[in-house]
């Protein structure tokens, strides 16, 4: 597990009403790791935030965490409802 994945999971569980429904998956992408976040439909809106501000903050944290590991990473927010 990478630090980027850990950051996404900790923040998403902290913001979610149903933390047990949070699922974080890492997969390789083009030259970077892609961290996919899926959660309960009502919680997804809370994690994205108003005008995407919370999502942008999560993406910034993931970028910094990946840099510490010497890699690149991005976040995909998945609506699996």
PDB file of N, CA and C in Angstrom:
ATOM      1  N   UNK A   1       0.833  -1.186   0.000  1.00  0.00           N
ATOM      2  CA  UNK A   1       0.000   0.000   0.000  1.00  0.00           C
ATOM      3  C   UNK A   1       0.878   1.250   0.000  1.00  0.00           C
ATOM      4  N   UNK A   2       0.470   2.221  -0.763  1.00  0.00           N
ATOM      5  CA  UNK A   2       1.232   3.456  -0.840  1.00  0.00           C
ATOM      6  C   UNK A   2       0.672   4.500   0.124  1.00  0.00           C
ATOM      7  N   UNK A   3       1.446   5.535   0.328  1.00  0.00           N
ATOM      8  CA  UNK A   3       0.980   6.636   1.175  1.00  0.00           C
ATOM      9  C   UNK A   3      -0.205   7.335   0.532  1.00  0.00           C
ATOM     10  N   UNK A   4      -0.213   7.429  -0.789  1.00  0.00           N
ATOM     11  CA  UNK A   4      -1.320   8.090  -1.486  1.00  0.00           C
ATOM     12  C   UNK A   4      -2.638   7.369  -1.199  1.00  0.00           C
ATOM     13  N   UNK A   5      -2.617   6.051  -1.263  1.00  0.00           N
ATOM     14  CA  UNK A   5      -3.819   5.273  -0.981  1.00  0.00           C
ATOM     15  C   UNK A   5      -4.254   5.465   0.464  1.00  0.00           C
ATOM     16  N   UNK A   6      -3.293   5.461   1.369  1.00  0.00           N
ATOM     17  CA  UNK A   6      -3.592   5.653   2.789  1.00  0.00           C
ATOM     18  C   UNK A   6      -4.237   7.014   3.043  1.00  0.00           C
ATOM     19  N   UNK A   7      -3.732   8.053   2.396  1.00  0.00           N
ATOM     20  CA  UNK A   7      -4.288   9.398   2.558  1.00  0.00           C
ATOM     21  C   UNK A   7      -5.746   9.426   2.119  1.00  0.00           C
ATOM     22  N   UNK A   8      -6.027   8.859   0.952  1.00  0.00           N
ATOM     23  CA  UNK A   8      -7.396   8.846   0.439  1.00  0.00           C
ATOM     24  C   UNK A   8      -8.318   8.098   1.396  1.00  0.00           C
ATOM     25  N   UNK A   9      -7.878   6.951   1.864  1.00  0.00           N
ATOM     26  CA  UNK A   9      -8.720   6.142   2.739  1.00  0.00           C
ATOM     27  C   UNK A   9      -9.007   6.842   4.065  1.00  0.00           C
ATOM     28  N   UNK A  10      -8.001   7.428   4.677  1.00  0.00           N
ATOM     29  CA  UNK A  10      -8.184   8.089   5.973  1.00  0.00           C
ATOM     30  C   UNK A  10      -9.127   9.289   5.837  1.00  0.00           C
ATOM     31  N   UNK A  11      -8.912  10.109   4.836  1.00  0.00           N
ATOM     32  CA  UNK A  11      -9.757  11.302   4.652  1.00  0.00           C
ATOM     33  C   UNK A  11     -11.188  10.896   4.310  1.00  0.00           C
ATOM     34  N   UNK A  12     -11.365   9.932   3.414  1.00  0.00           N
ATOM     35  CA  UNK A  12     -12.709   9.507   3.011  1.00  0.00           C
ATOM     36  C   UNK A  12     -13.478   8.909   4.188  1.00  0.00           C
ATOM     37  N   UNK A  13     -12.820   8.080   4.980  1.00  0.00           N
ATOM     38  CA  UNK A  13     -13.497   7.486   6.150  1.00  0.00           C
ATOM     39  C   UNK A  13     -13.860   8.555   7.178  1.00  0.00           C
ATOM     40  N   UNK A  14     -13.029   9.569   7.322  1.00  0.00           N
ATOM     41  CA  UNK A  14     -13.314  10.638   8.276  1.00  0.00           C
ATOM     42  C   UNK A  14     -14.523  11.472   7.848  1.00  0.00           C
ATOM     43  N   UNK A  15     -14.718  11.636   6.550  1.00  0.00           N
ATOM     44  CA  UNK A  15     -15.821  12.455   6.044  1.00  0.00           C
ATOM     45  C   UNK A  15     -17.117  11.681   5.849  1.00  0.00           C
ATOM     46  N   UNK A  16     -17.050  10.366   5.788  1.00  0.00           N
ATOM     47  CA  UNK A  16     -18.209   9.549   5.438  1.00  0.00           C
ATOM     48  C   UNK A  16     -19.138   9.311   6.627  1.00  0.00           C
ATOM     49  N   UNK A  17     -20.440   9.260   6.334  1.00  0.00           N
ATOM     50  CA  UNK A  17     -21.425   8.835   7.335  1.00  0.00           C
ATOM     51  C   UNK A  17     -21.368   7.329   7.508  1.00  0.00           C
ATOM     52  N   UNK A  18     -21.011   6.628   6.433  1.00  0.00           N
ATOM     53  CA  UNK A  18     -20.886   5.168   6.457  1.00  0.00           C
ATOM     54  C   UNK A  18     -19.455   4.782   6.078  1.00  0.00           C
ATOM     55  N   UNK A  19     -18.508   4.899   7.021  1.00  0.00           N
ATOM     56  CA  UNK A  19     -17.100   4.611   6.704  1.00  0.00           C
ATOM     57  C   UNK A  19     -16.854   3.165   6.281  1.00  0.00           C
ATOM     58  N   UNK A  20     -17.724   2.254   6.678  1.00  0.00           N
ATOM     59  CA  UNK A  20     -17.550   0.859   6.280  1.00  0.00           C
ATOM     60  C   UNK A  20     -17.784   0.649   4.788  1.00  0.00           C
ATOM     61  N   UNK A  21     -18.445   1.601   4.134  1.00  0.00           N
ATOM     62  CA  UNK A  21     -18.727   1.489   2.702  1.00  0.00           C
ATOM     63  C   UNK A  21     -17.617   2.059   1.825  1.00  0.00           C
ATOM     64  N   UNK A  22     -16.593   2.625   2.426  1.00  0.00           N
ATOM     65  CA  UNK A  22     -15.487   3.227   1.670  1.00  0.00           C
ATOM     66  C   UNK A  22     -14.620   2.126   1.075  1.00  0.00           C
ATOM     67  N   UNK A  23     -14.353   2.216  -0.219  1.00  0.00           N
ATOM     68  CA  UNK A  23     -13.475   1.271  -0.917  1.00  0.00           C
ATOM     69  C   UNK A  23     -12.419   2.062  -1.684  1.00  0.00           C
ATOM     70  N   UNK A  24     -11.169   1.724  -1.445  1.00  0.00           N
ATOM     71  CA  UNK A  24     -10.050   2.387  -2.123  1.00  0.00           C
ATOM     72  C   UNK A  24      -9.229   1.323  -2.825  1.00  0.00           C
ATOM     73  N   UNK A  25      -9.017   1.512  -4.128  1.00  0.00           N
ATOM     74  CA  UNK A  25      -8.274   0.555  -4.940  1.00  0.00           C
ATOM     75  C   UNK A  25      -7.154   1.300  -5.662  1.00  0.00           C
ATOM     76  N   UNK A  26      -5.988   0.699  -5.681  1.00  0.00           N
ATOM     77  CA  UNK A  26      -4.852   1.238  -6.430  1.00  0.00           C
ATOM     78  C   UNK A  26      -4.668   0.432  -7.698  1.00  0.00           C
ATOM     79  N   UNK A  27      -4.404   1.118  -8.796  1.00  0.00           N
ATOM     80  CA  UNK A  27      -4.096   0.414 -10.037  1.00  0.00           C
ATOM     81  C   UNK A  27      -3.091   1.245 -10.830  1.00  0.00           C
ATOM     82  N   UNK A  28      -2.276   0.574 -11.628  1.00  0.00           N
ATOM     83  CA  UNK A  28      -1.304   1.315 -12.434  1.00  0.00           C
ATOM     84  C   UNK A  28      -1.992   2.048 -13.581  1.00  0.00           C
ATOM     85  N   UNK A  29      -1.507   3.226 -13.863  1.00  0.00           N
ATOM     86  CA  UNK A  29      -2.002   4.004 -14.998  1.00  0.00           C
ATOM     87  C   UNK A  29      -0.830   4.328 -15.911  1.00  0.00           C
ATOM     88  N   UNK A  30      -1.006   5.289 -16.781  1.00  0.00           N
ATOM     89  CA  UNK A  30       0.066   5.697 -17.684  1.00  0.00           C
ATOM     90  C   UNK A  30       1.094   6.530 -16.926  1.00  0.00           C
ATOM     91  N   UNK A  31       2.157   5.880 -16.479  1.00  0.00           N
ATOM     92  CA  UNK A  31       3.235   6.573 -15.788  1.00  0.00           C
ATOM     93  C   UNK A  31       2.909   7.012 -14.377  1.00  0.00           C
ATOM     94  N   UNK A  32       1.797   6.563 -13.849  1.00  0.00           N
ATOM     95  CA  UNK A  32       1.430   6.943 -12.494  1.00  0.00           C
ATOM     96  C   UNK A  32       0.479   5.922 -11.884  1.00  0.00           C
ATOM     97  N   UNK A  33       0.276   6.025 -10.604  1.00  0.00           N
ATOM     98  CA  UNK A  33      -0.670   5.168  -9.907  1.00  0.00           C
ATOM     99  C   UNK A  33      -2.015   5.885  -9.862  1.00  0.00           C
ATOM    100  N   UNK A  34      -3.084   5.154 -10.108  1.00  0.00           N
ATOM    101  CA  UNK A  34      -4.426   5.719 -10.020  1.00  0.00           C
ATOM    102  C   UNK A  34      -5.083   5.138  -8.774  1.00  0.00           C
ATOM    103  N   UNK A  35      -5.544   6.022  -7.899  1.00  0.00           N
ATOM    104  CA  UNK A  35      -6.240   5.613  -6.686  1.00  0.00           C
ATOM    105  C   UNK A  35      -7.726   5.860  -6.922  1.00  0.00           C
ATOM    106  N   UNK A  36      -8.513   4.768  -6.905  1.00  0.00           N
ATOM    107  CA  UNK A  36      -9.952   4.879  -7.136  1.00  0.00           C
ATOM    108  C   UNK A  36     -10.682   4.843  -5.801  1.00  0.00           C
ATOM    109  N   UNK A  37     -11.565   5.809  -5.596  1.00  0.00           N
ATOM    110  CA  UNK A  37     -12.350   5.884  -4.371  1.00  0.00           C
ATOM    111  C   UNK A  37     -13.824   5.700  -4.709  1.00  0.00           C
ATOM    112  N   UNK A  38     -14.445   4.721  -4.067  1.00  0.00           N
ATOM    113  CA  UNK A  38     -15.893   4.561  -4.196  1.00  0.00           C
ATOM    114  C   UNK A  38     -16.475   4.451  -2.797  1.00  0.00           C
ATOM    115  N   UNK A  39     -17.693   4.957  -2.635  1.00  0.00           N
ATOM    116  CA  UNK A  39     -18.347   4.963  -1.329  1.00  0.00           C
ATOM    117  C   UNK A  39     -19.850   5.084  -1.514  1.00  0.00           C
ATOM    118  N   UNK A  40     -20.570   5.133  -0.419  1.00  0.00           N
ATOM    119  CA  UNK A  40     -22.028   5.248  -0.483  1.00  0.00           C
ATOM    120  C   UNK A  40     -22.399   6.520  -1.254  1.00  0.00           C
ATOM    121  N   UNK A  41     -23.485   6.478  -2.047  1.00  0.00           N
ATOM    122  CA  UNK A  41     -23.838   7.614  -2.899  1.00  0.00           C
ATOM    123  C   UNK A  41     -23.965   8.954  -2.164  1.00  0.00           C
ATOM    124  N   UNK A  42     -24.575   8.980  -0.994  1.00  0.00           N
ATOM    125  CA  UNK A  42     -24.710  10.227  -0.252  1.00  0.00           C
ATOM    126  C   UNK A  42     -23.385  10.755   0.249  1.00  0.00           C
ATOM    127  N   UNK A  43     -22.477   9.855   0.555  1.00  0.00           N
ATOM    128  CA  UNK A  43     -21.171  10.248   1.059  1.00  0.00           C
ATOM    129  C   UNK A  43     -20.262  10.789  -0.036  1.00  0.00           C
ATOM    130  N   UNK A  44     -20.463  10.345  -1.247  1.00  0.00           N
ATOM    131  CA  UNK A  44     -19.599  10.785  -2.342  1.00  0.00           C
ATOM    132  C   UNK A  44     -19.698  12.300  -2.531  1.00  0.00           C
ATOM    133  N   UNK A  45     -20.901  12.833  -2.432  1.00  0.00           N
ATOM    134  CA  UNK A  45     -21.082  14.281  -2.559  1.00  0.00           C
ATOM    135  C   UNK A  45     -20.359  15.045  -1.466  1.00  0.00           C
ATOM    136  N   UNK A  46     -20.330  14.491  -0.275  1.00  0.00           N
ATOM    137  CA  UNK A  46     -19.643  15.134   0.842  1.00  0.00           C
ATOM    138  C   UNK A  46     -18.132  15.154   0.589  1.00  0.00           C
ATOM    139  N   UNK A  47     -17.593  14.088   0.026  1.00  0.00           N
ATOM    140  CA  UNK A  47     -16.154  14.020  -0.233  1.00  0.00           C
ATOM    141  C   UNK A  47     -15.764  14.932  -1.393  1.00  0.00           C
ATOM    142  N   UNK A  48     -16.630  15.067  -2.376  1.00  0.00           N
ATOM    143  CA  UNK A  48     -16.332  15.967  -3.496  1.00  0.00           C
ATOM    144  C   UNK A  48     -16.411  17.414  -3.030  1.00  0.00           C
ATOM    145  N   UNK A  49     -17.393  17.747  -2.201  1.00  0.00           N
ATOM    146  CA  UNK A  49     -17.481  19.083  -1.623  1.00  0.00           C
ATOM    147  C   UNK A  49     -18.090  20.106  -2.551  1.00  0.00           C
ATOM    148  N   UNK A  50     -18.289  21.288  -2.003  1.00  0.00           N
ATOM    149  CA  UNK A  50     -18.867  22.384  -2.793  1.00  0.00           C
ATOM    150  C   UNK A  50     -17.885  22.816  -3.864  1.00  0.00           C
ATOM    151  N   UNK A  51     -18.371  22.835  -5.071  1.00  0.00           N
ATOM    152  CA  UNK A  51     -17.576  23.225  -6.235  1.00  0.00           C
ATOM    153  C   UNK A  51     -16.284  22.424  -6.347  1.00  0.00           C
ATOM    154  N   UNK A  52     -16.263  21.219  -5.764  1.00  0.00           N
ATOM    155  CA  UNK A  52     -15.112  20.337  -5.881  1.00  0.00           C
ATOM    156  C   UNK A  52     -13.915  20.722  -5.043  1.00  0.00           C
ATOM    157  N   UNK A  53     -14.112  21.580  -4.060  1.00  0.00           N
ATOM    158  CA  UNK A  53     -12.978  22.054  -3.259  1.00  0.00           C
ATOM    159  C   UNK A  53     -12.352  20.936  -2.428  1.00  0.00           C
ATOM    160  N   UNK A  54     -13.193  20.107  -1.816  1.00  0.00           N
ATOM    161  CA  UNK A  54     -12.652  19.015  -1.006  1.00  0.00           C
ATOM    162  C   UNK A  54     -11.923  18.012  -1.891  1.00  0.00           C
ATOM    163  N   UNK A  55     -12.493  17.713  -3.047  1.00  0.00           N
ATOM    164  CA  UNK A  55     -11.848  16.793  -3.984  1.00  0.00           C
ATOM    165  C   UNK A  55     -10.503  17.351  -4.438  1.00  0.00           C
ATOM    166  N   UNK A  56     -10.440  18.633  -4.696  1.00  0.00           N
ATOM    167  CA  UNK A  56      -9.178  19.260  -5.105  1.00  0.00           C
ATOM    168  C   UNK A  56      -8.144  19.163  -3.986  1.00  0.00           C
ATOM    169  N   UNK A  57      -8.586  19.348  -2.746  1.00  0.00           N
ATOM    170  CA  UNK A  57      -7.667  19.239  -1.608  1.00  0.00           C
ATOM    171  C   UNK A  57      -7.151  17.805  -1.463  1.00  0.00           C
ATOM    172  N   UNK A  58      -8.037  16.826  -1.657  1.00  0.00           N
ATOM    173  CA  UNK A  58      -7.619  15.417  -1.586  1.00  0.00           C
ATOM    174  C   UNK A  58      -6.607  15.118  -2.680  1.00  0.00           C
ATOM    175  N   UNK A  59      -6.861  15.621  -3.878  1.00  0.00           N
ATOM    176  CA  UNK A  59      -5.919  15.398  -4.986  1.00  0.00           C
ATOM    177  C   UNK A  59      -4.554  16.015  -4.690  1.00  0.00           C
ATOM    178  N   UNK A  60      -4.544  17.185  -4.061  1.00  0.00           N
ATOM    179  CA  UNK A  60      -3.279  17.828  -3.690  1.00  0.00           C
ATOM    180  C   UNK A  60      -2.523  16.993  -2.669  1.00  0.00           C
ATOM    181  N   UNK A  61      -3.239  16.493  -1.652  1.00  0.00           N
ATOM    182  CA  UNK A  61      -2.599  15.646  -0.642  1.00  0.00           C
ATOM    183  C   UNK A  61      -2.041  14.367  -1.259  1.00  0.00           C
ATOM    184  N   UNK A  62      -2.765  13.780  -2.188  1.00  0.00           N
ATOM    185  CA  UNK A  62      -2.316  12.549  -2.849  1.00  0.00           C
ATOM    186  C   UNK A  62      -1.069  12.824  -3.682  1.00  0.00           C
ATOM    187  N   UNK A  63      -1.040  13.928  -4.383  1.00  0.00           N
ATOM    188  CA  UNK A  63       0.137  14.284  -5.173  1.00  0.00           C
ATOM    189  C   UNK A  63       1.365  14.426  -4.280  1.00  0.00           C
ATOM    190  N   UNK A  64       1.192  15.090  -3.147  1.00  0.00           N
ATOM    191  CA  UNK A  64       2.321  15.274  -2.224  1.00  0.00           C
ATOM    192  C   UNK A  64       2.753  13.959  -1.588  1.00  0.00           C
ATOM    193  N   UNK A  65       1.795  13.118  -1.208  1.00  0.00           N
ATOM    194  CA  UNK A  65       2.126  11.819  -0.612  1.00  0.00           C
ATOM    195  C   UNK A  65       2.871  10.939  -1.618  1.00  0.00           C
ATOM    196  N   UNK A  66       2.460  10.986  -2.879  1.00  0.00           N
ATOM    197  CA  UNK A  66       3.131  10.200  -3.910  1.00  0.00           C
ATOM    198  C   UNK A  66       4.554  10.705  -4.146  1.00  0.00           C
ATOM    199  N   UNK A  67       4.736  12.026  -4.082  1.00  0.00           N
ATOM    200  CA  UNK A  67       6.083  12.584  -4.249  1.00  0.00           C
ATOM    201  C   UNK A  67       7.026  12.076  -3.165  1.00  0.00           C
ATOM    202  N   UNK A  68       6.524  11.935  -1.950  1.00  0.00           N
ATOM    203  CA  UNK A  68       7.350  11.405  -0.856  1.00  0.00           C
ATOM    204  C   UNK A  68       7.814   9.992  -1.192  1.00  0.00           C
ATOM    205  N   UNK A  69       6.928   9.207  -1.833  1.00  0.00           N
ATOM    206  CA  UNK A  69       7.275   7.845  -2.238  1.00  0.00           C
ATOM    207  C   UNK A  69       8.087   7.811  -3.532  1.00  0.00           C
ATOM    208  N   UNK A  70       8.291   8.971  -4.160  1.00  0.00           N
ATOM    209  CA  UNK A  70       9.048   9.032  -5.409  1.00  0.00           C
ATOM    210  C   UNK A  70       8.247   8.589  -6.622  1.00  0.00           C
ATOM    211  N   UNK A  71       6.928   8.705  -6.550  1.00  0.00           N
ATOM    212  CA  UNK A  71       6.065   8.313  -7.662  1.00  0.00           C
ATOM    213  C   UNK A  71       5.092   9.446  -7.986  1.00  0.00           C
ATOM    214  N   UNK A  72       4.198   9.169  -8.925  1.00  0.00           N
ATOM    215  CA  UNK A  72       3.117  10.090  -9.257  1.00  0.00           C
ATOM    216  C   UNK A  72       1.807   9.356  -9.050  1.00  0.00           C
ATOM    217  N   UNK A  73       0.767  10.092  -8.644  1.00  0.00           N
ATOM    218  CA  UNK A  73      -0.528   9.463  -8.405  1.00  0.00           C
ATOM    219  C   UNK A  73      -1.643  10.445  -8.707  1.00  0.00           C
ATOM    220  N   UNK A  74      -2.804   9.896  -9.041  1.00  0.00           N
ATOM    221  CA  UNK A  74      -4.006  10.693  -9.238  1.00  0.00           C
ATOM    222  C   UNK A  74      -5.174   9.975  -8.570  1.00  0.00           C
ATOM    223  N   UNK A  75      -6.286  10.687  -8.396  1.00  0.00           N
ATOM    224  CA  UNK A  75      -7.455  10.133  -7.731  1.00  0.00           C
ATOM    225  C   UNK A  75      -8.644  10.157  -8.675  1.00  0.00           C
ATOM    226  N   UNK A  76      -9.369   9.043  -8.723  1.00  0.00           N
ATOM    227  CA  UNK A  76     -10.640   8.957  -9.442  1.00  0.00           C
ATOM    228  C   UNK A  76     -11.741   8.730  -8.414  1.00  0.00           C
ATOM    229  N   UNK A  77     -12.773   9.557  -8.460  1.00  0.00           N
ATOM    230  CA  UNK A  77     -13.922   9.385  -7.589  1.00  0.00           C
ATOM    231  C   UNK A  77     -14.976   8.615  -8.375  1.00  0.00           C
ATOM    232  N   UNK A  78     -15.345   7.431  -7.907  1.00  0.00           N
ATOM    233  CA  UNK A  78     -16.249   6.535  -8.619  1.00  0.00           C
ATOM    234  C   UNK A  78     -17.635   6.551  -7.998  1.00  0.00           C
ATOM    235  N   UNK A  79     -18.643   6.717  -8.827  1.00  0.00           N
ATOM    236  CA  UNK A  79     -20.033   6.637  -8.377  1.00  0.00           C
ATOM    237  C   UNK A  79     -20.575   5.283  -8.828  1.00  0.00           C
ATOM    238  N   UNK A  80     -20.576   4.330  -7.919  1.00  0.00           N
ATOM    239  CA  UNK A  80     -20.988   2.964  -8.262  1.00  0.00           C
ATOM    240  C   UNK A  80     -22.437   2.677  -7.906  1.00  0.00           C
ATOM    241  N   UNK A  81     -23.228   3.725  -7.682  1.00  0.00           N
ATOM    242  CA  UNK A  81     -24.621   3.523  -7.289  1.00  0.00           C
ATOM    243  C   UNK A  81     -25.479   3.090  -8.445  1.00  0.00           C
TER     244      UNK A  81
END
